[in-house]
């Protein structure tokens, strides 16, 4: 047996051993990984095929060589099918049962045609040994079904490569390396078969089994170095890109590693060229978001989009290596605008009087307390309490619907007469309160007097009935200082209530200041 043949048989043995090793590794380490099932079967079939071809080359008679050729063709026709299934599953595609089983029709027919070739010669038209070769090698003349099988093999490998390459553009560089290695591994058998079918290989030896050694070395690099199946890049792409939340991945130095499409509207400078740049450099035009991200703490971010506010909740998640060492961070921006708006609506519903659409008593008092706590010492504060004169008479004479209309119109009239920082609320029934920050008593009296006259001069029409309305006002005032009052709101309310009582006792339709009568 020649030196060249020994080298070739050793290469085949190495290729078969490598395929078998990868099969065992896939069985024990990659049980549930996407694509691992077809990969395990593929490597097992390739190992058997390669070992069988090694025995074929070591055969010395035509009968012996044909025997091992028959063994090869029990397994080899299924290799292109499981190659395609591996790439489909790796890419996240699932075939229906009918299409799945239809892929096995041509391989099964190929096995049948090969093993019954003596009856019809559809697979080989002639089988003999080559002449002028240093060792026995088959010289085959192909029938039409051989070319059917060859085309099927080529189509399966090409579709497998196309499936992988379609994912290449959308994949992160680490996953791109995997895909390129897998694609290169699939291209090697195509090149080898080209040389074999065109009778360009040395002594007419089939280069397919040898090419598989190169192919599985590339697959092995992807498998061991880049954890080909465990990383599940296509599953990553599917989940990552379909997320509604914007996500950006940073390494331990703050450089951008990856991001999804949902991040682009918020950070339009995020492009493929941004990969590797520091997050601060990419956010140079958005100081607000930059500040939130630089803080490294979960927080809120408001984005102005075409005149509308979009609220995001910014969250940080650390990324650890297998050794539990920190290697980066994941920053996610979850759109919580709907939640924020709902909270605002609920807060508004809880704070607004449903009839008059001004603050209810509880919320009015809360807002007044909040305002008083922020005023600087020396500030003037005025509080007015007023009610509608003879309101019971309106209800008894014109009905409660008319009474409600009176309340609504009076509340609207007063609200429109106030400044933006002033607060109005319904105290209960026909009683109302007005809080005037930074307002001396004299200025408050002038404002309320104008409102009183406006109410008296604005009769309300209900069902063709002209209802004249007047109101009585009680005014209290204090000068805020650090030590004059422990609870100014309660004192203001008490004094305003007493002043309102004085206004009613003095004939109604007037303004009364606590401790002093101010005539209209």
Protein backbone atom coordinates (compact mmCIF):
# COMPACT_ATOMS: atom_id res chain seq x y z
CA UNK A 1 0.00 0.00 0.00
CA UNK A 2 1.49 3.29 -1.14
CA UNK A 3 2.60 6.16 1.03
CA UNK A 4 -0.02 8.47 -0.51
CA UNK A 5 -2.80 6.00 0.28
CA UNK A 6 -1.66 5.67 3.89
CA UNK A 7 -1.68 9.43 4.30
CA UNK A 8 -5.16 9.61 2.84
CA UNK A 9 -6.48 6.79 5.08
CA UNK A 10 -4.94 8.46 8.15
CA UNK A 11 -6.64 11.75 7.18
CA UNK A 12 -9.96 9.92 6.82
CA UNK A 13 -9.46 8.22 10.19
CA UNK A 14 -8.74 11.57 11.81
CA UNK A 15 -11.81 13.08 10.16
CA UNK A 16 -14.02 10.21 11.31
CA UNK A 17 -12.62 10.37 14.84
CA UNK A 18 -13.20 14.11 14.98
CA UNK A 19 -16.79 13.69 13.79
CA UNK A 20 -17.41 10.98 16.38
CA UNK A 21 -15.89 13.13 19.16
CA UNK A 22 -18.12 16.06 18.23
CA UNK A 23 -21.11 13.70 18.18
CA UNK A 24 -20.36 12.55 21.74
CA UNK A 25 -19.78 16.10 22.92
CA UNK A 26 -23.11 17.22 21.42
CA UNK A 27 -24.86 14.27 23.08
CA UNK A 28 -23.56 14.96 26.57
CA UNK A 29 -23.09 18.74 26.59
CA UNK A 30 -25.59 20.22 24.15
CA UNK A 31 -28.74 18.22 24.75
CA UNK A 32 -31.20 21.13 24.65
CA UNK A 33 -29.24 23.60 22.56
CA UNK A 34 -30.84 24.74 19.26
CA UNK A 35 -29.47 22.75 16.33
CA UNK A 36 -27.68 20.24 18.57
CA UNK A 37 -30.02 17.34 17.71
CA UNK A 38 -29.45 17.42 13.93
CA UNK A 39 -25.77 18.23 14.54
CA UNK A 40 -25.35 15.09 16.65
CA UNK A 41 -26.92 12.89 13.96
CA UNK A 42 -24.97 14.68 11.23
CA UNK A 43 -21.61 14.07 12.90
CA UNK A 44 -22.47 10.41 13.56
CA UNK A 45 -23.47 9.84 9.93
CA UNK A 46 -20.33 11.61 8.76
CA UNK A 47 -18.14 9.48 11.04
CA UNK A 48 -19.63 6.24 9.70
CA UNK A 49 -19.38 7.44 6.11
CA UNK A 50 -15.76 8.51 6.55
CA UNK A 51 -14.66 5.30 8.27
CA UNK A 52 -16.44 3.26 5.58
CA UNK A 53 -14.64 5.15 2.83
CA UNK A 54 -11.33 4.48 4.59
CA UNK A 55 -12.14 0.75 4.45
CA UNK A 56 -13.15 1.13 0.80
CA UNK A 57 -9.76 2.58 -0.06
CA UNK A 58 -7.98 -0.18 1.83
CA UNK A 59 -9.89 -2.85 -0.12
CA UNK A 60 -7.97 -4.92 -2.68
CA UNK A 61 -10.78 -6.40 -4.82
CA UNK A 62 -13.76 -4.94 -6.66
CA UNK A 63 -16.21 -6.97 -4.57
CA UNK A 64 -14.66 -5.79 -1.30
CA UNK A 65 -14.64 -2.19 -2.42
CA UNK A 66 -18.28 -2.40 -3.58
CA UNK A 67 -19.28 -3.84 -0.20
CA UNK A 68 -17.94 -0.82 1.66
CA UNK A 69 -19.45 1.50 -0.95
CA UNK A 70 -22.83 -0.03 -0.12
CA UNK A 71 -22.22 0.64 3.60
CA UNK A 72 -21.41 4.26 2.81
CA UNK A 73 -24.66 4.69 0.92
CA UNK A 74 -26.73 3.52 3.88
CA UNK A 75 -25.77 6.72 5.72
CA UNK A 76 -24.26 9.31 3.36
CA UNK A 77 -27.54 10.29 1.54
CA UNK A 78 -28.96 11.67 4.82
CA UNK A 79 -26.01 14.01 5.50
CA UNK A 80 -27.34 16.94 3.38
CA UNK A 81 -30.78 16.65 5.03
CA UNK A 82 -29.43 16.88 8.57
CA UNK A 83 -27.08 19.68 7.54
CA UNK A 84 -30.08 21.70 6.38
CA UNK A 85 -32.10 20.81 9.50
CA UNK A 86 -29.18 21.86 11.72
CA UNK A 87 -29.00 25.30 10.08
CA UNK A 88 -32.77 25.75 10.12
CA UNK A 89 -33.01 24.96 13.82
CA UNK A 90 -29.92 27.05 14.59
CA UNK A 91 -31.58 29.97 12.77
CA UNK A 92 -34.81 29.56 14.71
CA UNK A 93 -36.94 28.16 11.86
CA UNK A 94 -39.29 25.22 12.39
CA UNK A 95 -40.61 23.08 9.54
CA UNK A 96 -44.05 21.54 9.42
CA UNK A 97 -44.28 17.75 9.65
CA UNK A 98 -45.17 17.31 5.99
CA UNK A 99 -42.23 19.39 4.74
CA UNK A 100 -39.92 17.82 7.32
CA UNK A 101 -40.59 14.24 6.19
CA UNK A 102 -40.58 15.21 2.52
CA UNK A 103 -36.86 16.06 2.86
CA UNK A 104 -36.14 12.34 3.38
CA UNK A 105 -37.81 11.17 0.15
CA UNK A 106 -34.81 11.70 -2.16
CA UNK A 107 -32.26 10.20 0.32
CA UNK A 108 -34.41 7.08 0.76
CA UNK A 109 -34.85 6.75 -3.01
CA UNK A 110 -31.08 7.25 -3.42
CA UNK A 111 -30.39 4.32 -1.08
CA UNK A 112 -32.89 2.19 -2.98
CA UNK A 113 -31.47 3.15 -6.37
CA UNK A 114 -27.90 2.49 -5.24
CA UNK A 115 -28.53 -0.94 -3.75
CA UNK A 116 -30.66 -2.09 -6.70
CA UNK A 117 -28.37 -0.60 -9.33
CA UNK A 118 -27.57 -4.01 -10.91
CA UNK A 119 -31.25 -4.30 -11.91
CA UNK A 120 -31.60 -0.95 -13.69
CA UNK A 121 -28.22 0.90 -13.73
CA UNK A 122 -29.99 4.19 -12.91
CA UNK A 123 -27.33 5.14 -10.37
CA UNK A 124 -24.17 3.78 -12.02
CA UNK A 125 -24.11 2.81 -15.65
CA UNK A 126 -20.76 1.08 -15.12
CA UNK A 127 -18.64 0.04 -12.10
CA UNK A 128 -15.00 -1.04 -12.48
CA UNK A 129 -11.50 -0.42 -11.11
CA UNK A 130 -9.33 2.34 -12.49
CA UNK A 131 -6.22 1.45 -14.44
CA UNK A 132 -2.76 3.00 -13.98
CA UNK A 133 -3.31 3.86 -10.25
CA UNK A 134 -0.91 2.74 -7.50
CA UNK A 135 -3.84 1.31 -5.48
CA UNK A 136 -7.36 0.05 -6.33
CA UNK A 137 -9.80 2.92 -6.91
CA UNK A 138 -13.30 2.68 -8.33
CA UNK A 139 -13.95 4.02 -11.81
CA UNK A 140 -17.65 4.93 -11.96
CA UNK A 141 -19.88 6.01 -14.81
CA UNK A 142 -22.90 7.81 -13.43
CA UNK A 143 -26.57 7.26 -14.23
CA UNK A 144 -29.25 9.94 -14.03
CA UNK A 145 -30.19 9.31 -10.38
CA UNK A 146 -26.61 10.02 -9.26
CA UNK A 147 -27.06 13.53 -10.62
CA UNK A 148 -30.42 13.82 -8.86
CA UNK A 149 -28.63 13.02 -5.59
CA UNK A 150 -25.77 15.41 -6.41
CA UNK A 151 -28.17 18.27 -7.16
CA UNK A 152 -30.10 17.52 -3.95
CA UNK A 153 -26.84 17.63 -1.97
CA UNK A 154 -25.87 20.93 -3.57
CA UNK A 155 -29.31 22.52 -2.98
CA UNK A 156 -29.35 21.49 0.71
CA UNK A 157 -25.89 22.92 1.31
CA UNK A 158 -26.68 26.12 -0.57
CA UNK A 159 -29.93 26.67 1.32
CA UNK A 160 -28.06 26.04 4.57
CA UNK A 161 -25.50 28.69 3.68
CA UNK A 162 -28.18 31.18 2.61
CA UNK A 163 -30.07 30.70 5.89
CA UNK A 164 -26.92 31.48 7.86
CA UNK A 165 -25.81 34.39 5.71
CA UNK A 166 -29.22 36.07 5.95
CA UNK A 167 -28.61 36.26 9.69
CA UNK A 168 -25.10 37.59 9.32
CA UNK A 169 -25.99 41.28 8.83
CA UNK A 170 -28.21 41.50 11.92
CA UNK A 171 -25.88 39.61 14.24
CA UNK A 172 -23.36 40.94 16.72
CA UNK A 173 -19.70 40.38 15.76
CA UNK A 174 -19.25 37.40 18.09
CA UNK A 175 -22.19 35.65 16.47
CA UNK A 176 -20.98 36.71 13.03
CA UNK A 177 -17.77 34.78 13.61
CA UNK A 178 -19.80 31.68 14.43
CA UNK A 179 -21.91 32.05 11.31
CA UNK A 180 -18.89 32.65 9.08
CA UNK A 181 -17.16 29.57 10.46
CA UNK A 182 -20.26 27.46 9.91
CA UNK A 183 -20.73 28.83 6.39
CA UNK A 184 -17.10 28.14 5.55
CA UNK A 185 -17.51 24.61 6.87
CA UNK A 186 -20.46 24.09 4.52
CA UNK A 187 -18.59 25.52 1.55
CA UNK A 188 -15.68 23.11 1.84
CA UNK A 189 -17.65 19.95 0.78
CA UNK A 190 -19.11 21.87 -2.18
CA UNK A 191 -15.62 22.69 -3.45
CA UNK A 192 -14.43 19.12 -2.81
CA UNK A 193 -17.36 17.61 -4.73
CA UNK A 194 -16.69 19.98 -7.61
CA UNK A 195 -13.16 18.57 -7.96
CA UNK A 196 -14.39 14.97 -7.60
CA UNK A 197 -17.26 15.19 -10.10
CA UNK A 198 -15.06 16.91 -12.67
CA UNK A 199 -12.37 14.20 -12.28
CA UNK A 200 -9.87 16.73 -10.93
CA UNK A 201 -9.02 14.90 -7.71
CA UNK A 202 -5.83 12.78 -7.54
CA UNK A 203 -6.40 9.21 -8.84
CA UNK A 204 -10.16 9.90 -8.87
CA UNK A 205 -10.37 9.70 -5.07
CA UNK A 206 -13.57 11.13 -3.55
CA UNK A 207 -12.52 14.28 -1.70
CA UNK A 208 -15.87 14.57 0.08
CA UNK A 209 -14.94 12.54 3.19
CA UNK A 210 -11.59 14.34 3.47
CA UNK A 211 -13.30 17.71 3.10
CA UNK A 212 -15.48 16.80 6.05
CA UNK A 213 -12.42 16.77 8.28
CA UNK A 214 -11.81 20.41 7.36
CA UNK A 215 -15.52 21.18 7.65
CA UNK A 216 -15.81 19.72 11.14
CA UNK A 217 -12.61 21.41 12.26
CA UNK A 218 -14.29 24.75 11.42
CA UNK A 219 -17.48 23.64 13.14
CA UNK A 220 -15.38 22.49 16.07
CA UNK A 221 -13.74 25.91 16.38
CA UNK A 222 -17.17 27.54 16.40
CA UNK A 223 -18.43 24.98 18.88
CA UNK A 224 -15.59 25.07 21.40
CA UNK A 225 -14.23 28.60 21.04
CA UNK A 226 -17.48 30.48 20.54
CA UNK A 227 -20.00 28.04 22.09
CA UNK A 228 -21.87 27.83 18.83
CA UNK A 229 -25.15 26.37 20.04
CA UNK A 230 -25.19 27.48 23.67
CA UNK A 231 -25.05 31.15 22.70
CA UNK A 232 -28.05 30.64 20.41
CA UNK A 233 -27.41 33.82 18.40
CA UNK A 234 -30.56 33.59 16.37
CA UNK A 235 -32.68 33.16 19.47
CA UNK A 236 -30.83 36.17 20.83
CA UNK A 237 -31.61 38.19 17.71
CA UNK A 238 -35.26 37.17 17.73
CA UNK A 239 -35.77 38.10 21.38
CA UNK A 240 -33.44 41.09 21.43
CA UNK A 241 -34.85 42.81 18.36
CA UNK A 242 -38.51 42.09 19.18
CA UNK A 243 -38.29 43.67 22.62
CA UNK A 244 -40.37 46.80 23.08
CA UNK A 245 -37.84 48.11 25.57
CA UNK A 246 -34.76 49.83 24.24
CA UNK A 247 -31.63 47.94 25.30
CA UNK A 248 -27.97 48.88 25.04
CA UNK A 249 -25.06 46.73 26.22
CA UNK A 250 -21.85 48.27 27.56
CA UNK A 251 -18.58 46.59 28.44
CA UNK A 252 -16.74 47.22 31.71
CA UNK A 253 -15.13 50.34 30.22
CA UNK A 254 -18.43 51.91 29.19
CA UNK A 255 -17.98 51.19 25.48
CA UNK A 256 -21.04 50.17 23.45
CA UNK A 257 -21.10 46.46 22.66
CA UNK A 258 -24.60 45.99 21.25
CA UNK A 259 -28.04 47.59 21.04
CA UNK A 260 -31.48 46.80 19.64
CA UNK A 261 -33.66 48.68 17.18
CA UNK A 262 -36.02 49.96 19.90
CA UNK A 263 -33.17 52.15 21.17
CA UNK A 264 -32.77 54.10 17.93
CA UNK A 265 -35.69 56.58 18.29
CA UNK A 266 -34.38 57.65 21.70
CA UNK A 267 -30.72 57.66 20.65
CA UNK A 268 -30.65 58.45 16.90
CA UNK A 269 -26.83 58.61 16.93
CA UNK A 270 -26.73 54.86 17.59
CA UNK A 271 -25.43 53.33 14.39
CA UNK A 272 -23.29 50.34 13.58
CA UNK A 273 -20.29 52.68 13.71
CA UNK A 274 -21.15 53.43 17.37
CA UNK A 275 -20.06 49.93 18.37
CA UNK A 276 -16.85 50.28 20.37
CA UNK A 277 -17.39 53.97 21.20
CA UNK A 278 -17.86 55.18 24.75
CA UNK A 279 -21.48 55.81 25.70
CA UNK A 280 -20.60 59.38 26.75
CA UNK A 281 -19.40 60.20 23.24
CA UNK A 282 -22.59 58.89 21.64
CA UNK A 283 -24.77 60.85 24.09
CA UNK A 284 -22.95 64.15 23.69
CA UNK A 285 -26.11 65.73 22.22
CA UNK A 286 -28.46 64.46 24.94
CA UNK A 287 -27.22 65.79 28.26
CA UNK A 288 -30.32 64.69 30.18
CA UNK A 289 -30.08 61.01 29.23
CA UNK A 290 -26.31 61.16 29.57
CA UNK A 291 -26.69 62.34 33.16
CA UNK A 292 -29.12 59.52 33.97
CA UNK A 293 -26.86 56.87 32.45
CA UNK A 294 -23.70 58.30 33.99
CA UNK A 295 -25.31 58.05 37.42
CA UNK A 296 -25.43 54.28 37.03
CA UNK A 297 -28.62 54.15 39.09
CA UNK A 298 -32.15 53.21 38.11
CA UNK A 299 -34.13 56.34 37.34
CA UNK A 300 -36.61 58.10 35.08
CA UNK A 301 -36.07 59.86 31.77
CA UNK A 302 -38.56 62.06 29.90
CA UNK A 303 -38.13 62.26 26.13
CA UNK A 304 -39.76 65.01 24.08
CA UNK A 305 -41.08 63.44 20.87
CA UNK A 306 -42.91 65.76 18.45
CA UNK A 307 -44.33 67.86 21.26
CA UNK A 308 -45.35 64.88 23.38
CA UNK A 309 -43.64 63.57 26.49
CA UNK A 310 -42.57 59.94 26.52
CA UNK A 311 -41.65 58.61 29.96
CA UNK A 312 -38.97 55.93 30.32
CA UNK A 313 -37.83 53.93 33.29
CA UNK A 314 -34.06 53.45 33.03
CA UNK A 315 -32.74 50.26 34.60
CA UNK A 316 -29.20 48.91 34.94
CA UNK A 317 -28.34 45.21 35.08
CA UNK A 318 -24.78 43.98 35.62
CA UNK A 319 -23.31 41.30 33.34
CA UNK A 320 -20.99 38.71 34.87
CA UNK A 321 -18.56 36.25 33.31
CA UNK A 322 -18.66 32.53 34.08
CA UNK A 323 -16.16 33.32 36.84
CA UNK A 324 -18.60 35.83 38.35
CA UNK A 325 -16.40 38.76 37.35
CA UNK A 326 -18.24 41.93 36.22
CA UNK A 327 -17.72 42.38 32.48
CA UNK A 328 -20.33 44.97 31.57
CA UNK A 329 -23.82 46.39 32.00
CA UNK A 330 -27.15 46.15 30.27
CA UNK A 331 -29.15 49.39 30.18
CA UNK A 332 -32.84 49.10 29.36
CA UNK A 333 -35.34 51.89 28.70
CA UNK A 334 -38.90 50.75 29.36
CA UNK A 335 -41.67 53.00 28.04
CA UNK A 336 -43.90 53.72 31.06
CA UNK A 337 -45.80 56.63 29.48
CA UNK A 338 -49.12 54.82 29.69
CA UNK A 339 -48.50 53.98 33.34
CA UNK A 340 -47.47 57.57 34.16
CA UNK A 341 -50.52 58.98 32.38
CA UNK A 342 -52.75 56.53 34.19
CA UNK A 343 -51.25 57.59 37.51
CA UNK A 344 -51.81 61.23 36.61
CA UNK A 345 -55.41 60.46 35.69
CA UNK A 346 -56.00 58.56 38.92
CA UNK A 347 -54.37 61.34 40.91
CA UNK A 348 -56.52 63.88 39.14
CA UNK A 349 -59.67 61.86 39.78
CA UNK A 350 -58.71 61.55 43.43
CA UNK A 351 -58.01 65.28 43.74
CA UNK A 352 -60.84 66.84 41.70
CA UNK A 353 -64.41 67.45 42.81
CA UNK A 354 -66.48 65.57 40.24
CA UNK A 355 -69.16 68.28 39.96
CA UNK A 356 -67.26 71.57 39.91
CA UNK A 357 -63.94 70.22 38.48
CA UNK A 358 -61.90 72.09 41.09
CA UNK A 359 -59.88 70.57 43.93
CA UNK A 360 -61.76 68.65 46.58
CA UNK A 361 -61.28 69.48 50.24
CA UNK A 362 -58.57 66.90 51.01
CA UNK A 363 -56.41 67.76 48.03
CA UNK A 364 -56.86 71.51 48.54
CA UNK A 365 -55.60 71.22 52.11
CA UNK A 366 -52.70 69.04 50.97
CA UNK A 367 -51.65 71.52 48.28
CA UNK A 368 -51.94 74.42 50.71
CA UNK A 369 -49.74 72.60 53.25
CA UNK A 370 -47.19 71.89 50.54
CA UNK A 371 -47.14 75.52 49.40
CA UNK A 372 -46.79 76.88 52.93
CA UNK A 373 -43.79 74.63 53.56
CA UNK A 374 -41.96 76.14 50.58
CA UNK A 375 -42.62 79.81 51.30
CA UNK A 376 -39.72 81.86 52.57
CA UNK A 377 -39.97 83.65 55.94
CA UNK A 378 -41.74 86.98 55.67
CA UNK A 379 -44.16 85.88 52.95
CA UNK A 380 -47.76 87.05 53.11
CA UNK A 381 -50.45 84.38 52.87
CA UNK A 382 -54.19 84.91 52.52
CA UNK A 383 -57.03 82.40 52.71
CA UNK A 384 -60.62 83.02 51.71
CA UNK A 385 -63.61 80.91 52.60
CA UNK A 386 -66.89 81.74 50.88
CA UNK A 387 -70.30 80.25 50.29
CA UNK A 388 -73.36 80.98 48.17
CA UNK A 389 -76.03 83.00 49.95
CA UNK A 390 -79.42 81.30 50.42
CA UNK A 391 -78.33 78.27 48.42
CA UNK A 392 -80.99 76.09 50.06
CA UNK A 393 -83.61 78.45 48.66
CA UNK A 394 -82.21 77.85 45.12
CA UNK A 395 -82.50 74.09 45.57
CA UNK A 396 -85.98 74.27 47.06
CA UNK A 397 -87.29 76.67 44.42
CA UNK A 398 -85.61 75.53 41.20
CA UNK A 399 -84.51 71.98 42.02
CA UNK A 400 -81.17 70.30 42.72
CA UNK A 401 -80.16 70.29 39.05
CA UNK A 402 -80.37 74.08 39.09
CA UNK A 403 -78.37 74.10 42.32
CA UNK A 404 -75.66 71.98 40.71
CA UNK A 405 -75.53 74.35 37.74
CA UNK A 406 -75.11 77.30 40.09
CA UNK A 407 -72.20 75.55 41.86
CA UNK A 408 -70.49 74.75 38.55
CA UNK A 409 -70.81 78.28 37.16
CA UNK A 410 -69.71 79.99 40.38
CA UNK A 411 -66.66 77.69 40.64
CA UNK A 412 -65.75 78.39 37.00
CA UNK A 413 -66.19 82.15 37.37
CA UNK A 414 -63.97 82.32 40.46
CA UNK A 415 -61.33 79.99 39.00
CA UNK A 416 -61.01 82.16 35.89
CA UNK A 417 -60.46 85.22 38.07
CA UNK A 418 -57.47 83.77 39.94
CA UNK A 419 -53.77 83.65 39.15
CA UNK A 420 -52.10 80.39 38.09
CA UNK A 421 -50.41 79.92 41.45
CA UNK A 422 -53.63 80.47 43.41
CA UNK A 423 -55.58 77.40 44.53
CA UNK A 424 -59.36 76.99 44.70
CA UNK A 425 -61.22 74.05 46.23
CA UNK A 426 -64.68 72.98 47.24
CA UNK A 427 -64.87 72.75 51.01
CA UNK A 428 -68.22 71.02 51.03
CA UNK A 429 -71.81 71.74 49.93
CA UNK A 430 -71.92 75.35 48.73
CA UNK A 431 -68.75 76.38 50.57
CA UNK A 432 -65.46 77.08 48.72
CA UNK A 433 -61.87 77.99 49.68
CA UNK A 434 -59.26 80.11 47.93
CA UNK A 435 -55.57 80.04 48.87
CA UNK A 436 -53.50 83.06 47.81
CA UNK A 437 -49.72 82.68 48.39
CA UNK A 438 -47.51 85.77 48.54
CA UNK A 439 -50.59 87.99 48.81
CA UNK A 440 -51.03 90.71 51.47
CA UNK A 441 -54.47 91.08 53.08
CA UNK A 442 -55.19 94.33 51.26
CA UNK A 443 -54.48 92.83 47.82
CA UNK A 444 -56.51 89.75 48.71
CA UNK A 445 -59.43 91.92 49.71
CA UNK A 446 -59.35 93.84 46.43
CA UNK A 447 -59.32 90.57 44.44
CA UNK A 448 -62.16 89.02 46.43
CA UNK A 449 -64.23 92.17 46.29
CA UNK A 450 -63.95 92.14 42.51
CA UNK A 451 -65.02 88.49 42.47
CA UNK A 452 -67.96 89.23 44.78
CA UNK A 453 -69.19 91.97 42.46
CA UNK A 454 -68.68 89.72 39.43
CA UNK A 455 -70.81 86.98 41.02
CA UNK A 456 -73.55 89.43 41.98
CA UNK A 457 -73.59 90.90 38.47
CA UNK A 458 -73.73 87.53 36.66
CA UNK A 459 -77.20 86.04 37.04
CA UNK A 460 -77.59 82.39 36.07
CA UNK A 461 -80.27 81.30 33.61
CA UNK A 462 -81.90 77.96 34.37
CA UNK A 463 -84.91 76.87 32.28
CA UNK A 464 -85.71 80.48 31.38
CA UNK A 465 -85.47 81.41 35.06
CA UNK A 466 -83.07 84.22 35.95
CA UNK A 467 -81.42 83.41 39.25
CA UNK A 468 -79.47 86.17 40.98
CA UNK A 469 -76.68 84.88 43.14
CA UNK A 470 -74.62 86.54 45.85
CA UNK A 471 -71.85 85.20 48.04
CA UNK A 472 -70.34 85.92 51.44
CA UNK A 473 -66.55 85.88 51.96
CA UNK A 474 -64.35 85.40 55.00
CA UNK A 475 -60.69 86.47 54.71
CA UNK A 476 -57.80 85.45 56.94
CA UNK A 477 -54.16 86.45 56.61
CA UNK A 478 -50.81 85.67 58.15
CA UNK A 479 -47.19 86.60 57.69
CA UNK A 480 -45.07 83.46 57.53
CA UNK A 481 -41.98 83.36 59.73
CA UNK A 482 -39.85 80.63 61.20
CA UNK A 483 -41.29 80.92 64.71
CA UNK A 484 -44.72 82.53 64.57
CA UNK A 485 -46.90 79.52 63.79
CA UNK A 486 -46.52 75.78 64.27
CA UNK A 487 -49.40 74.98 61.92
CA UNK A 488 -50.40 78.05 59.86
CA UNK A 489 -52.94 76.19 57.72
CA UNK A 490 -55.18 75.31 60.67
CA UNK A 491 -55.02 78.86 62.01
CA UNK A 492 -55.83 80.30 58.58
CA UNK A 493 -58.80 77.95 58.16
CA UNK A 494 -60.14 78.71 61.62
CA UNK A 495 -59.87 82.48 61.14
CA UNK A 496 -61.38 82.36 57.63
CA UNK A 497 -64.33 80.35 58.96
CA UNK A 498 -64.92 82.88 61.73
CA UNK A 499 -64.64 85.75 59.24
CA UNK A 500 -67.20 84.05 56.95
CA UNK A 501 -69.54 83.76 59.93
CA UNK A 502 -69.12 87.50 60.53
CA UNK A 503 -69.88 88.20 56.84
CA UNK A 504 -73.18 86.29 57.08
CA UNK A 505 -74.06 87.96 60.36
CA UNK A 506 -73.47 91.36 58.73
CA UNK A 507 -76.09 90.87 56.04
CA UNK A 508 -74.33 88.51 53.58
CA UNK A 509 -72.95 89.55 50.17
CA UNK A 510 -69.85 91.14 51.70
CA UNK A 511 -66.21 90.47 52.47
CA UNK A 512 -65.21 90.11 56.13
CA UNK A 513 -61.61 89.94 57.32
CA UNK A 514 -60.87 88.13 60.53
CA UNK A 515 -60.74 90.65 63.39
CA UNK A 516 -61.78 93.60 61.24
CA UNK A 517 -64.90 94.43 59.22
CA UNK A 518 -64.08 95.50 55.63
CA UNK A 519 -67.24 97.03 54.15
CA UNK A 520 -68.04 96.51 50.52
